Structures are given as C-alpha cells and as structure tokens.
C-alpha atoms as a PDB file:
ATOM      1  CA  MET A   1      -5.690 -11.518 -18.825  1.00  0.00           C
ATOM      2  CA  ALA A   2      -2.567 -11.019 -16.996  1.00  0.00           C
ATOM      3  CA  ARG A   3      -2.302  -8.876 -13.883  1.00  0.00           C
ATOM      4  CA  THR A   4      -1.919  -4.460 -14.667  1.00  0.00           C
ATOM      5  CA  GLY A   5       0.466  -2.293 -12.301  1.00  0.00           C
ATOM      6  CA  PHE A   6      -2.832  -0.836 -10.601  1.00  0.00           C
ATOM      7  CA  ASP A   7      -4.243  -4.474  -9.988  1.00  0.00           C
ATOM      8  CA  ARG A   8      -0.773  -5.098  -8.319  1.00  0.00           C
ATOM      9  CA  PHE A   9      -1.034  -1.315  -6.655  1.00  0.00           C
ATOM     10  CA  ALA A  10      -4.945  -1.981  -5.370  1.00  0.00           C
ATOM     11  CA  LEU A  11      -3.768  -5.176  -4.054  1.00  0.00           C
ATOM     12  CA  ILE A  12      -1.422  -3.640  -1.736  1.00  0.00           C
ATOM     13  CA  LEU A  13      -3.234  -1.092  -0.599  1.00  0.00           C
ATOM     14  CA  VAL A  14      -5.473  -3.904   0.982  1.00  0.00           C
ATOM     15  CA  ILE A  15      -2.866  -6.153   2.240  1.00  0.00           C
ATOM     16  CA  ILE A  16      -1.875  -2.570   3.984  1.00  0.00           C
ATOM     17  CA  GLY A  17      -5.471  -1.742   4.781  1.00  0.00           C
ATOM     18  CA  ALA A  18      -5.544  -5.825   6.270  1.00  0.00           C
ATOM     19  CA  ILE A  19      -2.244  -5.221   8.725  1.00  0.00           C
ATOM     20  CA  ASN A  20      -4.024  -1.635   9.781  1.00  0.00           C
ATOM     21  CA  TRP A  21      -6.992  -4.148  11.157  1.00  0.00           C
ATOM     22  CA  LEU A  22      -5.034  -6.755  12.632  1.00  0.00           C
ATOM     23  CA  SER A  23      -3.243  -4.465  14.250  1.00  0.00           C
ATOM     24  CA  VAL A  24      -6.160  -2.575  15.596  1.00  0.00           C
ATOM     25  CA  GLY A  25      -7.820  -5.775  16.512  1.00  0.00           C
ATOM     26  CA  LEU A  26      -4.519  -7.234  17.926  1.00  0.00           C
ATOM     27  CA  PHE A  27      -3.651  -4.187  19.901  1.00  0.00           C
ATOM     28  CA  ARG A  28      -6.041  -1.789  19.214  1.00  0.00           C
ATOM     29  CA  PHE A  29      -3.991   0.452  17.952  1.00  0.00           C
ATOM     30  CA  ASP A  30      -4.884   2.303  14.271  1.00  0.00           C
ATOM     31  CA  ILE A  31      -1.447   2.814  12.587  1.00  0.00           C
ATOM     32  CA  VAL A  32      -2.630   4.776  10.454  1.00  0.00           C
ATOM     33  CA  ALA A  33      -4.096   7.065  12.906  1.00  0.00           C
ATOM     34  CA  ALA A  34      -1.014   7.368  14.496  1.00  0.00           C
ATOM     35  CA  LEU A  35       1.539   8.394  11.990  1.00  0.00           C
ATOM     36  CA  PHE A  36      -1.168  11.390  10.298  1.00  0.00           C
ATOM     37  CA  GLY A  37      -2.498  12.900  13.602  1.00  0.00           C
ATOM     38  CA  GLY A  38      -5.397  10.738  14.475  1.00  0.00           C
ATOM     39  CA  ALA A  39      -8.271   9.497  12.800  1.00  0.00           C
ATOM     40  CA  THR A  40     -10.136  12.356  11.958  1.00  0.00           C
ATOM     41  CA  ASN A  41      -7.278  14.088  10.420  1.00  0.00           C
ATOM     42  CA  LEU A  42      -8.069  14.657   6.616  1.00  0.00           C
ATOM     43  CA  VAL A  43      -4.616  12.900   6.109  1.00  0.00           C
ATOM     44  CA  SER A  44      -6.049   9.805   7.368  1.00  0.00           C
ATOM     45  CA  ARG A  45      -9.423  10.031   6.298  1.00  0.00           C
ATOM     46  CA  ILE A  46      -7.577  10.395   2.154  1.00  0.00           C
ATOM     47  CA  ILE A  47      -5.582   6.590   3.276  1.00  0.00           C
ATOM     48  CA  TYR A  48      -8.457   5.412   4.765  1.00  0.00           C
ATOM     49  CA  SER A  49     -11.038   6.458   1.570  1.00  0.00           C
ATOM     50  CA  VAL A  50      -8.354   5.152  -0.693  1.00  0.00           C
ATOM     51  CA  VAL A  51      -7.711   1.845   0.799  1.00  0.00           C
ATOM     52  CA  GLY A  52     -11.160   1.662   0.725  1.00  0.00           C
ATOM     53  CA  ILE A  53     -11.610   1.792  -2.808  1.00  0.00           C
ATOM     54  CA  ALA A  54      -8.568  -0.408  -3.677  1.00  0.00           C
ATOM     55  CA  GLY A  55     -10.658  -2.815  -1.559  1.00  0.00           C
ATOM     56  CA  ILE A  56     -14.093  -2.364  -4.177  1.00  0.00           C
ATOM     57  CA  TYR A  57     -12.020  -2.415  -7.268  1.00  0.00           C
ATOM     58  CA  SER A  58     -10.469  -5.787  -5.668  1.00  0.00           C
ATOM     59  CA  ILE A  59     -13.212  -7.342  -5.877  1.00  0.00           C
ATOM     60  CA  SER A  60     -13.630  -7.039  -9.219  1.00  0.00           C
ATOM     61  CA  LEU A  61      -9.913  -9.306  -9.795  1.00  0.00           C
ATOM     62  CA  LEU A  62     -12.076 -12.236  -8.333  1.00  0.00           C
ATOM     63  CA  PHE A  63     -14.060 -12.795 -11.629  1.00  0.00           C
ATOM     64  CA  ARG A  64     -11.638 -12.454 -14.059  1.00  0.00           C
ATOM     65  CA  HIS A  65     -10.160 -15.156 -15.523  1.00  0.00           C
ATOM     66  CA  SER A  66      -6.630 -16.047 -15.511  1.00  0.00           C
ATOM     67  CA  PRO A  67      -5.099 -17.943 -18.489  1.00  0.00           C
ATOM     68  CA  VAL A  68      -4.621 -21.622 -18.537  1.00  0.00           C
ATOM     69  CA  ASN A  69      -0.969 -23.113 -19.670  1.00  0.00           C
ATOM     70  CA  VAL A  70      -1.488 -25.278 -22.232  1.00  0.00           C
ATOM     71  CA  ARG A  71       2.043 -27.320 -22.497  1.00  0.00           C
ATOM     72  CA  GLU A  72       2.233 -28.848 -25.907  1.00  0.00           C
END
C-alpha cells in the first residue's frame, strides 16, 4: 500500500513534535509555547492536540504492509 498524503502529513507533524520535545529535553525550551504565547494558550493546546492525534494515527503505519518490489 502506498503512503497517502495524509500519512505523510501525519509523519511531518510527528517529526515536528519530536523536534519540539528534543528542544524541551536538551534546552528546556518549548518552541510551540514560545511561538504561540505559552503552553496553556488555546492555540498551543490545539497544536499539541493535533500533533498527538497525528502520533496516534502514525501507529497504524507500523502495521501496514508495503508492496514488495518484484523484478522479473
């Protein structure tokens, strides 16, 4: 099964979330909170939620079978 545009979008969001967590872990700096006015701001909470949903959706990518390329 080929990756859909939605699959790619979800993976991009997961990567963005991972970069944000790396920044929190290494530098104690939350990029999303800094850009959107704090971690409790509505916009920040929406972004955190969308990234979390993308992460949950991306779990399904682990269990999909990709087509095998067969050479003749």
